[in-house]
Amino acid sequence: MKPTTLKITLLAFLAAATFSCKNAEKESEVAVETPAEATEAAVEYNVDPAASEIKWEGEKPTTKHFGTISLNSGVFHLNNGVVEAGKFEIDMNTINVQDLEGEYKDNLEAHLKGTVEGKEGDFFNIKKYPTAKFELTGMENNIVKGNLTIKGKTNAIEFPATVVTEGDKMTLKSDAIELDRTKWGINFGSKSIFDNLGDKFISDIMKIEVSLVANKA
């Protein structure tokens, strides 16, 4: 083998190894817990998708974008006002961009949803993964803990939230939740995954806020 060929081969190997190590570091952060189970005394509340939403925000060096996502369904179980168990399903087809209009809005929504040919896997790929879900594993001192599944990958997360019950209605509102999108395989434009992006990168951190309304079953 000629020296030049050997050098190129070694560089390719090192690049692949570096990429693998980066992904290994991400995967090592994955931690999934057992979903919580409700007691017989718990009261069931069904999430009202029309009154609930998830706000999202993503940013890059020059700007940020934000919008909403709707829910398909959800259920929570409360015992004397305390959340014992719960889960909800997110409709990824409803990704909505609120900071843009017209063609710019349509183009970004299509890119995020993965409905652009050749760019299906850049972000959420809704044809392959039409839903995401969250399953609660516990709640204590206003900290919600649970497993969030996006694009078939599940990671444990936790976030502050306020739960209020009034009559037959329950509301849950979270503070801003910061998620490292690469843990769910959303790697497009990530400096921690790809080198030489310069200032054409997108932050690994995406922010969401959960606002749920549920009615007693």
N, C-alpha and C. Protein backbone atom coordinates (compact mmCIF):
# COMPACT_ATOMS: atom_id res chain seq x y z
N MET A 1 0.85 -1.20 0.00
CA MET A 1 0.00 0.00 0.00
C MET A 1 0.88 1.25 0.00
N LYS A 2 0.57 2.21 -0.85
CA LYS A 2 1.34 3.43 -0.92
C LYS A 2 1.11 4.28 0.32
N PRO A 3 2.10 5.11 0.74
CA PRO A 3 1.96 5.96 1.93
C PRO A 3 0.74 6.86 1.87
N THR A 4 0.45 7.45 0.70
CA THR A 4 -0.70 8.36 0.58
C THR A 4 -2.00 7.62 0.84
N THR A 5 -2.11 6.41 0.26
CA THR A 5 -3.32 5.61 0.45
C THR A 5 -3.48 5.23 1.91
N LEU A 6 -2.36 4.85 2.56
CA LEU A 6 -2.39 4.49 3.97
C LEU A 6 -2.85 5.66 4.82
N LYS A 7 -2.36 6.85 4.50
CA LYS A 7 -2.72 8.05 5.26
C LYS A 7 -4.21 8.33 5.16
N ILE A 8 -4.76 8.22 3.94
CA ILE A 8 -6.19 8.47 3.73
C ILE A 8 -7.02 7.44 4.48
N THR A 9 -6.58 6.18 4.42
CA THR A 9 -7.31 5.11 5.11
C THR A 9 -7.34 5.35 6.62
N LEU A 10 -6.20 5.75 7.18
CA LEU A 10 -6.12 6.01 8.62
C LEU A 10 -7.00 7.19 9.01
N LEU A 11 -7.00 8.23 8.19
CA LEU A 11 -7.84 9.40 8.48
C LEU A 11 -9.31 9.02 8.46
N ALA A 12 -9.70 8.20 7.48
CA ALA A 12 -11.10 7.77 7.40
C ALA A 12 -11.48 6.95 8.62
N PHE A 13 -10.55 6.07 9.05
CA PHE A 13 -10.81 5.25 10.23
C PHE A 13 -10.97 6.11 11.48
N LEU A 14 -10.08 7.09 11.64
CA LEU A 14 -10.14 7.97 12.81
C LEU A 14 -11.41 8.79 12.81
N ALA A 15 -11.84 9.25 11.64
CA ALA A 15 -13.08 10.03 11.55
C ALA A 15 -14.26 9.18 11.96
N ALA A 16 -14.28 7.93 11.46
CA ALA A 16 -15.38 7.03 11.81
C ALA A 16 -15.37 6.71 13.29
N ALA A 17 -14.17 6.51 13.85
CA ALA A 17 -14.06 6.20 15.27
C ALA A 17 -14.54 7.37 16.12
N THR A 18 -14.17 8.59 15.69
CA THR A 18 -14.60 9.78 16.43
C THR A 18 -16.10 9.91 16.42
N PHE A 19 -16.71 9.69 15.25
CA PHE A 19 -18.16 9.75 15.12
C PHE A 19 -18.83 8.71 16.02
N SER A 20 -18.25 7.48 16.03
CA SER A 20 -18.81 6.41 16.86
C SER A 20 -18.71 6.75 18.33
N CYS A 21 -17.58 7.34 18.74
CA CYS A 21 -17.39 7.70 20.14
C CYS A 21 -18.39 8.76 20.57
N LYS A 22 -18.63 9.73 19.69
CA LYS A 22 -19.61 10.77 20.01
C LYS A 22 -20.98 10.16 20.23
N ASN A 23 -21.36 9.24 19.33
CA ASN A 23 -22.66 8.59 19.48
C ASN A 23 -22.71 7.72 20.71
N ALA A 24 -21.58 7.07 21.04
CA ALA A 24 -21.54 6.22 22.23
C ALA A 24 -21.75 7.06 23.48
N GLU A 25 -21.16 8.26 23.50
CA GLU A 25 -21.34 9.14 24.65
C GLU A 25 -22.80 9.53 24.80
N LYS A 26 -23.48 9.79 23.68
CA LYS A 26 -24.88 10.15 23.73
C LYS A 26 -25.70 8.97 24.26
N GLU A 27 -25.42 7.76 23.72
CA GLU A 27 -26.19 6.60 24.11
C GLU A 27 -26.00 6.27 25.59
N SER A 28 -24.81 6.56 26.13
CA SER A 28 -24.54 6.22 27.52
C SER A 28 -25.38 7.05 28.48
N GLU A 29 -25.96 8.15 27.97
CA GLU A 29 -26.76 9.01 28.81
C GLU A 29 -28.20 8.52 28.93
N VAL A 30 -28.58 7.53 28.11
CA VAL A 30 -29.95 7.03 28.10
C VAL A 30 -30.25 6.30 29.40
N ALA A 31 -31.37 6.64 30.02
CA ALA A 31 -31.79 5.95 31.25
C ALA A 31 -33.31 5.91 31.27
N VAL A 32 -33.86 4.72 31.22
CA VAL A 32 -35.31 4.54 31.18
C VAL A 32 -35.78 3.92 32.48
N GLU A 33 -36.87 4.43 33.02
CA GLU A 33 -37.40 3.93 34.28
C GLU A 33 -38.76 3.26 34.05
N THR A 34 -39.20 2.51 35.04
CA THR A 34 -40.48 1.81 34.94
C THR A 34 -41.64 2.78 35.11
N PRO A 35 -42.62 2.77 34.19
CA PRO A 35 -43.78 3.66 34.32
C PRO A 35 -44.52 3.44 35.63
N ALA A 36 -45.04 4.52 36.20
CA ALA A 36 -45.77 4.44 37.47
C ALA A 36 -47.12 3.77 37.26
N GLU A 37 -47.60 3.09 38.30
CA GLU A 37 -48.91 2.45 38.26
C GLU A 37 -49.82 3.10 39.29
N ALA A 38 -51.08 3.28 38.92
CA ALA A 38 -52.05 3.92 39.81
C ALA A 38 -52.63 2.91 40.80
N THR A 39 -52.98 3.39 41.98
CA THR A 39 -53.66 2.55 42.96
C THR A 39 -55.15 2.49 42.63
N GLU A 40 -55.85 1.59 43.26
CA GLU A 40 -57.29 1.44 43.02
C GLU A 40 -58.06 2.68 43.44
N ALA A 41 -57.52 3.42 44.40
CA ALA A 41 -58.22 4.61 44.90
C ALA A 41 -58.07 5.83 43.98
N ALA A 42 -57.19 5.74 43.01
CA ALA A 42 -56.92 6.89 42.13
C ALA A 42 -58.10 7.17 41.21
N VAL A 43 -58.27 8.45 40.90
CA VAL A 43 -59.34 8.90 40.00
C VAL A 43 -58.74 9.17 38.62
N GLU A 44 -59.42 8.72 37.59
CA GLU A 44 -58.92 8.87 36.23
C GLU A 44 -59.36 10.18 35.60
N TYR A 45 -58.42 10.84 34.93
CA TYR A 45 -58.69 12.07 34.18
C TYR A 45 -58.21 11.87 32.74
N ASN A 46 -59.07 12.17 31.78
CA ASN A 46 -58.72 12.04 30.38
C ASN A 46 -58.31 13.39 29.79
N VAL A 47 -57.17 13.40 29.12
CA VAL A 47 -56.66 14.64 28.53
C VAL A 47 -57.57 15.11 27.40
N ASP A 48 -57.84 16.41 27.38
CA ASP A 48 -58.62 17.03 26.31
C ASP A 48 -57.63 17.59 25.28
N PRO A 49 -57.45 16.90 24.14
CA PRO A 49 -56.46 17.36 23.15
C PRO A 49 -56.73 18.77 22.62
N ALA A 50 -58.00 19.14 22.52
CA ALA A 50 -58.35 20.45 21.97
C ALA A 50 -57.94 21.58 22.90
N ALA A 51 -57.83 21.28 24.20
CA ALA A 51 -57.49 22.31 25.18
C ALA A 51 -56.03 22.21 25.64
N SER A 52 -55.30 21.28 25.07
CA SER A 52 -53.91 21.03 25.48
C SER A 52 -52.96 21.29 24.32
N GLU A 53 -51.71 21.58 24.64
CA GLU A 53 -50.71 21.77 23.60
C GLU A 53 -49.31 21.71 24.18
N ILE A 54 -48.36 21.54 23.29
CA ILE A 54 -46.95 21.61 23.65
C ILE A 54 -46.32 22.73 22.83
N LYS A 55 -45.70 23.68 23.51
CA LYS A 55 -44.97 24.73 22.81
C LYS A 55 -43.52 24.27 22.62
N TRP A 56 -42.93 24.61 21.49
CA TRP A 56 -41.55 24.23 21.22
C TRP A 56 -40.75 25.43 20.73
N GLU A 57 -39.43 25.33 20.89
CA GLU A 57 -38.53 26.38 20.42
C GLU A 57 -37.18 25.77 20.08
N GLY A 58 -36.65 26.16 18.93
CA GLY A 58 -35.31 25.74 18.52
C GLY A 58 -34.56 26.95 18.01
N GLU A 59 -33.24 26.92 18.10
CA GLU A 59 -32.49 28.09 17.67
C GLU A 59 -31.17 27.73 17.01
N LYS A 60 -30.69 28.69 16.22
CA LYS A 60 -29.37 28.61 15.61
C LYS A 60 -28.72 29.98 15.78
N PRO A 61 -27.46 30.15 15.39
CA PRO A 61 -26.76 31.41 15.71
C PRO A 61 -27.49 32.68 15.28
N THR A 62 -28.17 32.64 14.15
CA THR A 62 -28.76 33.87 13.61
C THR A 62 -30.21 34.09 13.98
N THR A 63 -30.90 33.05 14.41
CA THR A 63 -32.33 33.22 14.68
C THR A 63 -32.86 32.04 15.50
N LYS A 64 -34.13 32.10 15.87
CA LYS A 64 -34.79 30.98 16.51
C LYS A 64 -36.19 30.85 15.93
N HIS A 65 -36.73 29.65 16.04
CA HIS A 65 -38.08 29.38 15.56
C HIS A 65 -38.88 28.77 16.71
N PHE A 66 -40.19 28.98 16.67
CA PHE A 66 -41.04 28.44 17.72
C PHE A 66 -42.42 28.12 17.16
N GLY A 67 -43.15 27.30 17.93
CA GLY A 67 -44.49 26.91 17.50
C GLY A 67 -45.14 25.98 18.49
N THR A 68 -46.07 25.18 18.00
CA THR A 68 -46.83 24.27 18.87
C THR A 68 -46.94 22.89 18.24
N ILE A 69 -47.29 21.93 19.07
CA ILE A 69 -47.62 20.57 18.65
C ILE A 69 -48.85 20.14 19.46
N SER A 70 -49.77 19.43 18.81
CA SER A 70 -50.99 19.00 19.49
C SER A 70 -50.85 17.57 20.03
N LEU A 71 -51.78 17.21 20.88
CA LEU A 71 -51.81 15.87 21.46
C LEU A 71 -52.91 15.03 20.82
N ASN A 72 -52.71 13.73 20.80
CA ASN A 72 -53.75 12.80 20.36
C ASN A 72 -54.65 12.39 21.52
N SER A 73 -54.02 12.09 22.64
CA SER A 73 -54.76 11.55 23.79
C SER A 73 -53.87 11.57 25.02
N GLY A 74 -54.46 11.20 26.15
CA GLY A 74 -53.69 11.12 27.38
C GLY A 74 -54.59 10.77 28.54
N VAL A 75 -54.01 10.23 29.58
CA VAL A 75 -54.78 9.89 30.78
C VAL A 75 -53.88 10.05 32.00
N PHE A 76 -54.46 10.57 33.08
CA PHE A 76 -53.74 10.71 34.34
C PHE A 76 -54.59 10.13 35.46
N HIS A 77 -53.92 9.64 36.50
CA HIS A 77 -54.60 9.09 37.66
C HIS A 77 -54.14 9.86 38.90
N LEU A 78 -55.11 10.45 39.60
CA LEU A 78 -54.82 11.26 40.78
C LEU A 78 -55.47 10.65 42.01
N ASN A 79 -54.78 10.77 43.13
CA ASN A 79 -55.29 10.32 44.41
C ASN A 79 -55.17 11.47 45.40
N ASN A 80 -56.31 12.05 45.77
CA ASN A 80 -56.33 13.23 46.65
C ASN A 80 -55.48 14.37 46.08
N GLY A 81 -55.60 14.57 44.78
CA GLY A 81 -54.89 15.66 44.13
C GLY A 81 -53.45 15.37 43.77
N VAL A 82 -52.96 14.20 44.13
CA VAL A 82 -51.58 13.82 43.84
C VAL A 82 -51.54 12.91 42.61
N VAL A 83 -50.69 13.25 41.66
CA VAL A 83 -50.57 12.45 40.44
C VAL A 83 -49.82 11.15 40.74
N GLU A 84 -50.49 10.03 40.49
CA GLU A 84 -49.86 8.73 40.71
C GLU A 84 -49.31 8.12 39.42
N ALA A 85 -50.02 8.35 38.33
CA ALA A 85 -49.60 7.79 37.05
C ALA A 85 -50.16 8.65 35.93
N GLY A 86 -49.58 8.52 34.76
CA GLY A 86 -50.09 9.29 33.64
C GLY A 86 -49.28 9.08 32.37
N LYS A 87 -49.89 9.40 31.26
CA LYS A 87 -49.20 9.31 29.97
C LYS A 87 -49.97 10.14 28.95
N PHE A 88 -49.26 10.55 27.90
CA PHE A 88 -49.95 11.22 26.80
C PHE A 88 -49.21 10.95 25.49
N GLU A 89 -49.97 11.02 24.40
CA GLU A 89 -49.42 10.78 23.07
C GLU A 89 -49.45 12.07 22.27
N ILE A 90 -48.34 12.34 21.57
CA ILE A 90 -48.17 13.58 20.81
C ILE A 90 -48.34 13.30 19.32
N ASP A 91 -49.12 14.12 18.65
CA ASP A 91 -49.37 13.98 17.21
C ASP A 91 -48.32 14.79 16.45
N MET A 92 -47.29 14.12 15.95
CA MET A 92 -46.20 14.82 15.28
C MET A 92 -46.61 15.42 13.94
N ASN A 93 -47.73 14.98 13.40
CA ASN A 93 -48.25 15.57 12.16
C ASN A 93 -48.70 17.01 12.35
N THR A 94 -48.88 17.42 13.61
CA THR A 94 -49.42 18.76 13.89
C THR A 94 -48.34 19.79 14.19
N ILE A 95 -47.09 19.48 13.89
CA ILE A 95 -46.02 20.46 14.11
C ILE A 95 -46.39 21.76 13.40
N ASN A 96 -46.44 22.84 14.18
CA ASN A 96 -46.89 24.13 13.67
C ASN A 96 -45.82 25.19 13.96
N VAL A 97 -45.40 25.90 12.92
CA VAL A 97 -44.44 27.00 13.07
C VAL A 97 -45.20 28.31 13.19
N GLN A 98 -44.95 29.05 14.26
CA GLN A 98 -45.72 30.27 14.52
C GLN A 98 -44.97 31.56 14.22
N ASP A 99 -43.65 31.49 14.04
CA ASP A 99 -42.89 32.73 13.84
C ASP A 99 -42.70 33.09 12.37
N LEU A 100 -43.18 32.22 11.47
CA LEU A 100 -43.06 32.48 10.04
C LEU A 100 -44.44 32.45 9.38
N GLU A 101 -44.50 32.95 8.15
CA GLU A 101 -45.75 32.95 7.40
C GLU A 101 -45.49 32.51 5.96
N GLY A 102 -46.57 32.12 5.30
CA GLY A 102 -46.50 31.80 3.88
C GLY A 102 -45.55 30.68 3.53
N GLU A 103 -44.78 30.89 2.46
CA GLU A 103 -43.88 29.86 1.95
C GLU A 103 -42.81 29.47 2.96
N TYR A 104 -42.31 30.45 3.72
CA TYR A 104 -41.27 30.17 4.72
C TYR A 104 -41.80 29.23 5.80
N LYS A 105 -43.01 29.48 6.24
CA LYS A 105 -43.66 28.63 7.25
C LYS A 105 -43.85 27.21 6.69
N ASP A 106 -44.39 27.12 5.48
CA ASP A 106 -44.64 25.82 4.87
C ASP A 106 -43.36 25.02 4.69
N ASN A 107 -42.30 25.70 4.25
CA ASN A 107 -41.03 25.00 4.01
C ASN A 107 -40.41 24.47 5.30
N LEU A 108 -40.45 25.27 6.36
CA LEU A 108 -39.86 24.81 7.62
C LEU A 108 -40.69 23.68 8.22
N GLU A 109 -42.01 23.79 8.17
CA GLU A 109 -42.85 22.72 8.69
C GLU A 109 -42.60 21.41 7.93
N ALA A 110 -42.46 21.51 6.61
CA ALA A 110 -42.20 20.32 5.81
C ALA A 110 -40.85 19.70 6.16
N HIS A 111 -39.84 20.55 6.40
CA HIS A 111 -38.52 20.04 6.75
C HIS A 111 -38.56 19.36 8.12
N LEU A 112 -39.21 20.01 9.09
CA LEU A 112 -39.30 19.42 10.43
C LEU A 112 -40.07 18.10 10.41
N LYS A 113 -41.13 18.05 9.62
CA LYS A 113 -41.95 16.83 9.55
C LYS A 113 -41.28 15.72 8.74
N GLY A 114 -40.35 16.10 7.88
CA GLY A 114 -39.70 15.10 7.05
C GLY A 114 -40.50 14.71 5.83
N THR A 115 -41.29 15.65 5.32
CA THR A 115 -42.09 15.37 4.13
C THR A 115 -41.41 15.85 2.85
N VAL A 116 -40.18 16.35 2.97
CA VAL A 116 -39.39 16.77 1.81
C VAL A 116 -38.55 15.59 1.34
N GLU A 117 -38.65 15.25 0.08
CA GLU A 117 -37.92 14.11 -0.45
C GLU A 117 -36.42 14.28 -0.24
N GLY A 118 -35.81 13.25 0.30
CA GLY A 118 -34.38 13.27 0.56
C GLY A 118 -34.00 13.86 1.90
N LYS A 119 -34.97 14.44 2.60
CA LYS A 119 -34.69 15.05 3.90
C LYS A 119 -35.59 14.46 5.00
N GLU A 120 -36.10 13.27 4.74
CA GLU A 120 -37.06 12.66 5.67
C GLU A 120 -36.50 12.50 7.08
N GLY A 121 -35.23 12.13 7.17
CA GLY A 121 -34.65 11.82 8.48
C GLY A 121 -33.96 12.97 9.17
N ASP A 122 -33.99 14.17 8.58
CA ASP A 122 -33.29 15.30 9.19
C ASP A 122 -33.82 15.62 10.57
N PHE A 123 -35.14 15.60 10.71
CA PHE A 123 -35.74 15.94 12.00
C PHE A 123 -36.67 14.82 12.48
N PHE A 124 -37.98 14.95 12.31
CA PHE A 124 -38.90 14.04 13.01
C PHE A 124 -39.49 12.91 12.16
N ASN A 125 -39.37 12.97 10.85
CA ASN A 125 -39.78 11.86 9.99
C ASN A 125 -41.16 11.30 10.37
N ILE A 126 -42.18 12.14 10.19
CA ILE A 126 -43.51 11.78 10.70
C ILE A 126 -44.16 10.61 9.97
N LYS A 127 -43.71 10.31 8.75
CA LYS A 127 -44.28 9.16 8.05
C LYS A 127 -43.88 7.86 8.75
N LYS A 128 -42.66 7.82 9.24
CA LYS A 128 -42.18 6.63 9.95
C LYS A 128 -42.53 6.68 11.44
N TYR A 129 -42.52 7.90 12.00
CA TYR A 129 -42.80 8.07 13.43
C TYR A 129 -43.89 9.13 13.62
N PRO A 130 -45.14 8.77 13.36
CA PRO A 130 -46.23 9.77 13.41
C PRO A 130 -46.58 10.26 14.81
N THR A 131 -46.14 9.54 15.82
CA THR A 131 -46.45 9.95 17.19
C THR A 131 -45.20 9.91 18.07
N ALA A 132 -45.25 10.67 19.15
CA ALA A 132 -44.28 10.58 20.24
C ALA A 132 -45.09 10.36 21.50
N LYS A 133 -44.46 9.95 22.58
CA LYS A 133 -45.23 9.70 23.80
C LYS A 133 -44.41 9.97 25.05
N PHE A 134 -45.14 10.26 26.12
CA PHE A 134 -44.53 10.45 27.43
C PHE A 134 -45.26 9.58 28.44
N GLU A 135 -44.50 8.84 29.25
CA GLU A 135 -45.07 8.01 30.31
C GLU A 135 -44.46 8.43 31.64
N LEU A 136 -45.30 8.79 32.57
CA LEU A 136 -44.84 9.25 33.88
C LEU A 136 -44.31 8.08 34.70
N THR A 137 -43.16 8.31 35.34
CA THR A 137 -42.60 7.29 36.24
C THR A 137 -42.68 7.72 37.70
N GLY A 138 -43.00 8.99 37.92
CA GLY A 138 -43.15 9.47 39.29
C GLY A 138 -43.27 10.98 39.32
N MET A 139 -43.80 11.50 40.44
CA MET A 139 -43.86 12.94 40.64
C MET A 139 -43.72 13.23 42.12
N GLU A 140 -42.79 14.10 42.45
CA GLU A 140 -42.54 14.44 43.85
C GLU A 140 -42.03 15.87 43.93
N ASN A 141 -42.59 16.63 44.88
CA ASN A 141 -42.19 18.03 45.07
C ASN A 141 -42.27 18.84 43.77
N ASN A 142 -43.36 18.61 43.04
CA ASN A 142 -43.63 19.31 41.78
C ASN A 142 -42.61 19.01 40.68
N ILE A 143 -41.89 17.92 40.80
CA ILE A 143 -40.98 17.49 39.75
C ILE A 143 -41.56 16.24 39.08
N VAL A 144 -41.85 16.37 37.80
CA VAL A 144 -42.38 15.25 37.02
C VAL A 144 -41.22 14.46 36.44
N LYS A 145 -41.28 13.15 36.59
CA LYS A 145 -40.27 12.26 36.01
C LYS A 145 -40.97 11.29 35.07
N GLY A 146 -40.31 11.00 33.96
CA GLY A 146 -40.94 10.07 33.03
C GLY A 146 -40.06 9.73 31.85
N ASN A 147 -40.59 8.87 30.97
CA ASN A 147 -39.89 8.43 29.78
C ASN A 147 -40.49 9.10 28.55
N LEU A 148 -39.66 9.79 27.79
CA LEU A 148 -40.10 10.46 26.57
C LEU A 148 -39.58 9.69 25.37
N THR A 149 -40.50 9.29 24.49
CA THR A 149 -40.14 8.54 23.28
C THR A 149 -40.38 9.40 22.05
N ILE A 150 -39.33 9.63 21.28
CA ILE A 150 -39.39 10.36 20.02
C ILE A 150 -38.60 9.57 18.98
N LYS A 151 -39.15 9.38 17.80
CA LYS A 151 -38.49 8.64 16.73
C LYS A 151 -38.04 7.26 17.19
N GLY A 152 -38.84 6.63 18.03
CA GLY A 152 -38.56 5.28 18.48
C GLY A 152 -37.50 5.17 19.55
N LYS A 153 -36.93 6.29 19.98
CA LYS A 153 -35.91 6.28 21.04
C LYS A 153 -36.52 6.82 22.34
N THR A 154 -36.22 6.17 23.44
CA THR A 154 -36.78 6.55 24.74
C THR A 154 -35.69 6.97 25.70
N ASN A 155 -35.90 8.12 26.35
CA ASN A 155 -34.98 8.62 27.37
C ASN A 155 -35.77 9.11 28.57
N ALA A 156 -35.20 8.96 29.74
CA ALA A 156 -35.82 9.48 30.96
C ALA A 156 -35.55 10.97 31.06
N ILE A 157 -36.59 11.72 31.41
CA ILE A 157 -36.45 13.17 31.61
C ILE A 157 -37.17 13.55 32.90
N GLU A 158 -36.91 14.75 33.39
CA GLU A 158 -37.66 15.28 34.52
C GLU A 158 -37.75 16.79 34.38
N PHE A 159 -38.84 17.35 34.92
CA PHE A 159 -39.06 18.78 34.77
C PHE A 159 -40.04 19.28 35.82
N PRO A 160 -39.92 20.56 36.22
CA PRO A 160 -40.87 21.15 37.17
C PRO A 160 -42.22 21.36 36.50
N ALA A 161 -43.28 21.11 37.25
CA ALA A 161 -44.63 21.33 36.72
C ALA A 161 -45.60 21.60 37.86
N THR A 162 -46.65 22.32 37.53
CA THR A 162 -47.70 22.62 38.50
C THR A 162 -48.97 21.89 38.11
N VAL A 163 -49.53 21.16 39.05
CA VAL A 163 -50.78 20.44 38.82
C VAL A 163 -51.86 21.05 39.69
N VAL A 164 -52.99 21.39 39.07
CA VAL A 164 -54.10 22.00 39.79
C VAL A 164 -55.38 21.22 39.46
N THR A 165 -56.15 20.89 40.48
CA THR A 165 -57.45 20.27 40.26
C THR A 165 -58.54 21.22 40.76
N GLU A 166 -59.57 21.38 39.95
CA GLU A 166 -60.68 22.24 40.30
C GLU A 166 -61.96 21.61 39.76
N GLY A 167 -62.80 21.15 40.66
CA GLY A 167 -64.00 20.44 40.23
C GLY A 167 -63.62 19.15 39.54
N ASP A 168 -64.11 18.98 38.31
CA ASP A 168 -63.81 17.77 37.54
C ASP A 168 -62.67 17.98 36.55
N LYS A 169 -61.92 19.06 36.72
CA LYS A 169 -60.87 19.38 35.76
C LYS A 169 -59.49 19.38 36.43
N MET A 170 -58.51 18.89 35.69
CA MET A 170 -57.12 18.91 36.13
C MET A 170 -56.29 19.63 35.08
N THR A 171 -55.36 20.47 35.52
CA THR A 171 -54.43 21.11 34.59
C THR A 171 -53.00 20.81 35.03
N LEU A 172 -52.15 20.62 34.06
CA LEU A 172 -50.72 20.43 34.31
C LEU A 172 -49.96 21.38 33.40
N LYS A 173 -49.14 22.23 34.00
CA LYS A 173 -48.33 23.17 33.23
C LYS A 173 -46.88 23.06 33.67
N SER A 174 -46.01 22.87 32.70
CA SER A 174 -44.59 22.72 33.01
C SER A 174 -43.86 24.04 32.84
N ASP A 175 -42.69 24.12 33.46
CA ASP A 175 -41.76 25.18 33.13
C ASP A 175 -41.11 24.80 31.79
N ALA A 176 -40.24 25.65 31.28
CA ALA A 176 -39.52 25.32 30.05
C ALA A 176 -38.64 24.09 30.29
N ILE A 177 -38.73 23.13 29.39
CA ILE A 177 -37.96 21.89 29.49
C ILE A 177 -36.90 21.89 28.40
N GLU A 178 -35.65 21.72 28.77
CA GLU A 178 -34.56 21.69 27.80
C GLU A 178 -34.20 20.23 27.49
N LEU A 179 -34.28 19.89 26.21
CA LEU A 179 -33.99 18.53 25.77
C LEU A 179 -32.82 18.54 24.79
N ASP A 180 -31.89 17.61 24.97
CA ASP A 180 -30.81 17.42 24.01
C ASP A 180 -31.35 16.54 22.89
N ARG A 181 -31.68 17.15 21.76
CA ARG A 181 -32.35 16.44 20.67
C ARG A 181 -31.56 15.26 20.13
N THR A 182 -30.22 15.29 20.25
CA THR A 182 -29.42 14.21 19.71
C THR A 182 -29.64 12.89 20.45
N LYS A 183 -30.15 12.96 21.67
CA LYS A 183 -30.47 11.73 22.41
C LYS A 183 -31.59 10.95 21.73
N TRP A 184 -32.37 11.66 20.93
CA TRP A 184 -33.48 11.02 20.20
C TRP A 184 -33.16 10.86 18.72
N GLY A 185 -31.88 10.97 18.37
CA GLY A 185 -31.47 10.76 17.00
C GLY A 185 -31.81 11.89 16.05
N ILE A 186 -32.04 13.08 16.60
CA ILE A 186 -32.33 14.26 15.76
C ILE A 186 -31.01 15.02 15.62
N ASN A 187 -30.23 14.62 14.65
CA ASN A 187 -28.83 15.05 14.58
C ASN A 187 -28.55 16.14 13.55
N PHE A 188 -29.52 16.50 12.74
CA PHE A 188 -29.27 17.45 11.66
C PHE A 188 -28.70 18.77 12.19
N GLY A 189 -27.57 19.18 11.62
CA GLY A 189 -26.97 20.46 11.99
C GLY A 189 -26.36 20.51 13.37
N SER A 190 -26.07 19.35 13.97
CA SER A 190 -25.53 19.32 15.33
C SER A 190 -24.00 19.38 15.32
N LYS A 191 -23.43 20.34 16.03
CA LYS A 191 -21.97 20.46 16.13
C LYS A 191 -21.36 19.33 16.95
N SER A 192 -22.15 18.72 17.81
CA SER A 192 -21.62 17.62 18.62
C SER A 192 -21.58 16.31 17.83
N ILE A 193 -22.21 16.30 16.67
CA ILE A 193 -22.21 15.11 15.82
C ILE A 193 -21.36 15.32 14.58
N PHE A 194 -21.50 16.49 13.97
CA PHE A 194 -20.81 16.77 12.71
C PHE A 194 -19.78 17.89 12.90
N ASP A 195 -18.61 17.70 12.29
CA ASP A 195 -17.56 18.71 12.34
C ASP A 195 -17.68 19.66 11.15
N ASN A 196 -16.95 20.77 11.23
CA ASN A 196 -16.83 21.72 10.12
C ASN A 196 -18.16 22.34 9.70
N LEU A 197 -19.07 22.56 10.65
CA LEU A 197 -20.32 23.23 10.32
C LEU A 197 -20.20 24.75 10.37
N GLY A 198 -19.12 25.22 11.00
CA GLY A 198 -18.97 26.67 11.14
C GLY A 198 -20.12 27.26 11.93
N ASP A 199 -20.69 28.35 11.40
CA ASP A 199 -21.84 28.96 12.08
C ASP A 199 -23.16 28.47 11.51
N LYS A 200 -23.10 27.42 10.68
CA LYS A 200 -24.32 26.87 10.09
C LYS A 200 -24.79 25.66 10.90
N PHE A 201 -24.88 25.83 12.18
CA PHE A 201 -25.33 24.74 13.05
C PHE A 201 -26.63 25.11 13.74
N ILE A 202 -27.28 24.11 14.27
CA ILE A 202 -28.51 24.29 15.04
C ILE A 202 -28.23 23.79 16.45
N SER A 203 -28.67 24.51 17.44
CA SER A 203 -28.42 24.12 18.83
C SER A 203 -28.96 22.72 19.11
N ASP A 204 -28.19 21.95 19.87
CA ASP A 204 -28.66 20.63 20.29
C ASP A 204 -29.86 20.73 21.22
N ILE A 205 -29.99 21.85 21.89
CA ILE A 205 -31.06 22.02 22.88
C ILE A 205 -32.34 22.51 22.22
N MET A 206 -33.39 21.75 22.36
CA MET A 206 -34.71 22.21 21.97
C MET A 206 -35.54 22.37 23.25
N LYS A 207 -36.33 23.41 23.29
CA LYS A 207 -37.12 23.69 24.49
C LYS A 207 -38.60 23.40 24.23
N ILE A 208 -39.25 22.82 25.22
CA ILE A 208 -40.69 22.59 25.12
C ILE A 208 -41.36 23.01 26.43
N GLU A 209 -42.63 23.36 26.32
CA GLU A 209 -43.47 23.63 27.49
C GLU A 209 -44.76 22.86 27.31
N VAL A 210 -45.12 22.10 28.33
CA VAL A 210 -46.31 21.26 28.27
C VAL A 210 -47.46 21.92 29.01
N SER A 211 -48.61 22.00 28.35
CA SER A 211 -49.82 22.54 28.97
C SER A 211 -50.96 21.58 28.70
N LEU A 212 -51.42 20.89 29.74
CA LEU A 212 -52.45 19.86 29.60
C LEU A 212 -53.70 20.22 30.38
N VAL A 213 -54.83 19.90 29.79
CA VAL A 213 -56.12 20.00 30.48
C VAL A 213 -56.77 18.63 30.40
N ALA A 214 -57.21 18.10 31.53
CA ALA A 214 -57.83 16.78 31.57
C ALA A 214 -59.12 16.84 32.39
N ASN A 215 -60.08 16.04 31.99
CA ASN A 215 -61.38 16.00 32.65
C ASN A 215 -61.61 14.65 33.32
N LYS A 216 -62.27 14.69 34.47
CA LYS A 216 -62.54 13.46 35.21
C LYS A 216 -63.37 12.51 34.36
N ALA A 217 -62.97 11.25 34.35
CA ALA A 217 -63.65 10.25 33.53
C ALA A 217 -65.04 9.93 34.08
